[in-house]
Amino acid sequence: MEDADTRTNVRNERLASIVEQCLGSQAAYKLFDMLSAISDLDKQSKTRYMELVRDSGEYSEDEIDAIERLIASGAASYFKAVIDQVREEQVQREIEALIG
């Protein structure tokens, strides 16, 4: 049971790190926004996008594999949703602080 808890904690820490980075970086947020939109496309469009990424020569094979996993698994959409939720909560707290 402890191994499952440890894995969950590690995943939560990674997610928190990604969210923190995206909240602090407009470029990182835009990346997840774009990958999320691509993950919603049909399979053929996703394949064409990945071909463009490969052909660009801008990314290493490891980076291409990570991008492809984020798109194919839907993780990019999940991350973006979490980032948006945290951002909304921050905005609400700031509004409450200004009003209160």
C-alpha atoms as a PDB file:
ATOM      1  CA  MET A   1       0.000   0.000   0.000  1.00  0.00           C
ATOM      2  CA  GLU A   2       2.866   2.359   0.774  1.00  0.00           C
ATOM      3  CA  ASP A   3       4.263   1.974  -2.749  1.00  0.00           C
ATOM      4  CA  ALA A   4       0.948   3.121  -4.229  1.00  0.00           C
ATOM      5  CA  ASP A   5       0.891   6.088  -1.853  1.00  0.00           C
ATOM      6  CA  THR A   6       4.464   6.947  -2.774  1.00  0.00           C
ATOM      7  CA  ARG A   7       3.669   6.791  -6.499  1.00  0.00           C
ATOM      8  CA  THR A   8       0.604   8.964  -5.979  1.00  0.00           C
ATOM      9  CA  ASN A   9       2.652  11.506  -4.035  1.00  0.00           C
ATOM     10  CA  VAL A  10       5.319  11.585  -6.746  1.00  0.00           C
ATOM     11  CA  ARG A  11       2.669  12.088  -9.447  1.00  0.00           C
ATOM     12  CA  ASN A  12       1.026  14.857  -7.417  1.00  0.00           C
ATOM     13  CA  GLU A  13       4.384  16.583  -6.927  1.00  0.00           C
ATOM     14  CA  ARG A  14       5.091  16.399 -10.665  1.00  0.00           C
ATOM     15  CA  LEU A  15       1.657  17.798 -11.454  1.00  0.00           C
ATOM     16  CA  ALA A  16       2.136  20.609  -8.933  1.00  0.00           C
ATOM     17  CA  SER A  17       5.503  21.414 -10.493  1.00  0.00           C
ATOM     18  CA  ILE A  18       4.012  21.533 -13.997  1.00  0.00           C
ATOM     19  CA  VAL A  19       1.142  23.730 -12.834  1.00  0.00           C
ATOM     20  CA  GLU A  20       3.505  26.080 -11.010  1.00  0.00           C
ATOM     21  CA  GLN A  21       5.741  26.368 -14.061  1.00  0.00           C
ATOM     22  CA  CYS A  22       2.793  27.052 -16.369  1.00  0.00           C
ATOM     23  CA  LEU A  23       1.356  29.676 -14.043  1.00  0.00           C
ATOM     24  CA  GLY A  24       4.704  31.446 -14.050  1.00  0.00           C
ATOM     25  CA  SER A  25       5.395  31.153 -17.765  1.00  0.00           C
ATOM     26  CA  GLN A  26       3.084  32.342 -20.510  1.00  0.00           C
ATOM     27  CA  ALA A  27       5.059  30.251 -23.015  1.00  0.00           C
ATOM     28  CA  ALA A  28       4.597  27.060 -20.983  1.00  0.00           C
ATOM     29  CA  TYR A  29       0.876  27.742 -20.651  1.00  0.00           C
ATOM     30  CA  LYS A  30       0.583  28.352 -24.401  1.00  0.00           C
ATOM     31  CA  LEU A  31       2.355  25.041 -25.053  1.00  0.00           C
ATOM     32  CA  PHE A  32      -0.160  23.069 -22.976  1.00  0.00           C
ATOM     33  CA  ASP A  33      -3.028  25.065 -24.490  1.00  0.00           C
ATOM     34  CA  MET A  34      -1.820  24.162 -27.986  1.00  0.00           C
ATOM     35  CA  LEU A  35      -1.155  20.496 -27.130  1.00  0.00           C
ATOM     36  CA  SER A  36      -4.572  20.272 -25.488  1.00  0.00           C
ATOM     37  CA  ALA A  37      -6.251  21.614 -28.629  1.00  0.00           C
ATOM     38  CA  ILE A  38      -4.301  19.162 -30.786  1.00  0.00           C
ATOM     39  CA  SER A  39      -5.263  16.240 -28.553  1.00  0.00           C
ATOM     40  CA  ASP A  40      -8.917  17.050 -29.313  1.00  0.00           C
ATOM     41  CA  LEU A  41      -8.365  16.616 -33.067  1.00  0.00           C
ATOM     42  CA  ASP A  42      -9.065  13.469 -35.054  1.00  0.00           C
ATOM     43  CA  LYS A  43      -6.338  10.834 -35.313  1.00  0.00           C
ATOM     44  CA  GLN A  44      -5.302  11.830 -38.843  1.00  0.00           C
ATOM     45  CA  SER A  45      -4.795  15.467 -37.829  1.00  0.00           C
ATOM     46  CA  LYS A  46      -2.760  14.406 -34.795  1.00  0.00           C
ATOM     47  CA  THR A  47      -0.584  12.247 -37.040  1.00  0.00           C
ATOM     48  CA  ARG A  48      -0.022  15.142 -39.457  1.00  0.00           C
ATOM     49  CA  TYR A  49       0.914  17.427 -36.572  1.00  0.00           C
ATOM     50  CA  MET A  50       3.449  14.935 -35.242  1.00  0.00           C
ATOM     51  CA  GLU A  51       4.947  14.616 -38.733  1.00  0.00           C
ATOM     52  CA  LEU A  52       5.404  18.394 -38.789  1.00  0.00           C
ATOM     53  CA  VAL A  53       7.052  18.279 -35.367  1.00  0.00           C
ATOM     54  CA  ARG A  54       9.432  15.536 -36.501  1.00  0.00           C
ATOM     55  CA  ASP A  55      10.220  17.294 -39.787  1.00  0.00           C
ATOM     56  CA  SER A  56      10.928  20.605 -38.050  1.00  0.00           C
ATOM     57  CA  GLY A  57      14.205  19.324 -36.617  1.00  0.00           C
ATOM     58  CA  GLU A  58      13.606  21.479 -33.535  1.00  0.00           C
ATOM     59  CA  TYR A  59      13.063  18.636 -31.072  1.00  0.00           C
ATOM     60  CA  SER A  60      15.045  15.634 -29.879  1.00  0.00           C
ATOM     61  CA  GLU A  61      13.518  12.159 -30.164  1.00  0.00           C
ATOM     62  CA  ASP A  62      12.831  12.179 -26.404  1.00  0.00           C
ATOM     63  CA  GLU A  63      10.986  15.507 -26.710  1.00  0.00           C
ATOM     64  CA  ILE A  64       8.999  14.252 -29.695  1.00  0.00           C
ATOM     65  CA  ASP A  65       8.049  11.113 -27.767  1.00  0.00           C
ATOM     66  CA  ALA A  66       6.930  13.231 -24.791  1.00  0.00           C
ATOM     67  CA  ILE A  67       4.845  15.532 -27.002  1.00  0.00           C
ATOM     68  CA  GLU A  68       3.261  12.539 -28.680  1.00  0.00           C
ATOM     69  CA  ARG A  69       2.409  10.927 -25.326  1.00  0.00           C
ATOM     70  CA  LEU A  70       0.879  14.161 -24.029  1.00  0.00           C
ATOM     71  CA  ILE A  71      -1.319  14.396 -27.104  1.00  0.00           C
ATOM     72  CA  ALA A  72      -2.245  10.715 -27.490  1.00  0.00           C
ATOM     73  CA  SER A  73      -2.997  10.085 -23.815  1.00  0.00           C
ATOM     74  CA  GLY A  74      -5.028  13.232 -23.304  1.00  0.00           C
ATOM     75  CA  ALA A  75      -2.628  14.296 -20.549  1.00  0.00           C
ATOM     76  CA  ALA A  76      -2.148  17.695 -22.202  1.00  0.00           C
ATOM     77  CA  SER A  77      -5.878  18.394 -21.851  1.00  0.00           C
ATOM     78  CA  TYR A  78      -5.817  17.174 -18.253  1.00  0.00           C
ATOM     79  CA  PHE A  79      -2.841  19.400 -17.386  1.00  0.00           C
ATOM     80  CA  LYS A  80      -4.428  22.415 -19.059  1.00  0.00           C
ATOM     81  CA  ALA A  81      -7.688  21.866 -17.159  1.00  0.00           C
ATOM     82  CA  VAL A  82      -5.825  21.677 -13.850  1.00  0.00           C
ATOM     83  CA  ILE A  83      -3.780  24.783 -14.709  1.00  0.00           C
ATOM     84  CA  ASP A  84      -6.950  26.674 -15.645  1.00  0.00           C
ATOM     85  CA  GLN A  85      -8.632  25.601 -12.410  1.00  0.00           C
ATOM     86  CA  VAL A  86      -5.700  26.755 -10.273  1.00  0.00           C
ATOM     87  CA  ARG A  87      -5.493  30.018 -12.211  1.00  0.00           C
ATOM     88  CA  GLU A  88      -9.227  30.634 -11.672  1.00  0.00           C
ATOM     89  CA  GLU A  89      -8.882  29.951  -7.948  1.00  0.00           C
ATOM     90  CA  GLN A  90      -5.992  32.415  -7.752  1.00  0.00           C
ATOM     91  CA  VAL A  91      -8.015  35.077  -9.535  1.00  0.00           C
ATOM     92  CA  GLN A  92     -10.960  34.500  -7.184  1.00  0.00           C
ATOM     93  CA  ARG A  93      -8.701  34.840  -4.118  1.00  0.00           C
ATOM     94  CA  GLU A  94      -7.236  38.065  -5.518  1.00  0.00           C
ATOM     95  CA  ILE A  95     -10.717  39.460  -6.171  1.00  0.00           C
ATOM     96  CA  GLU A  96     -11.829  38.524  -2.659  1.00  0.00           C
ATOM     97  CA  ALA A  97      -8.736  40.191  -1.206  1.00  0.00           C
ATOM     98  CA  LEU A  98      -9.476  43.383  -3.130  1.00  0.00           C
ATOM     99  CA  ILE A  99     -13.137  43.421  -2.143  1.00  0.00           C
ATOM    100  CA  GLY A 100     -12.710  42.196   1.430  1.00  0.00           C
END
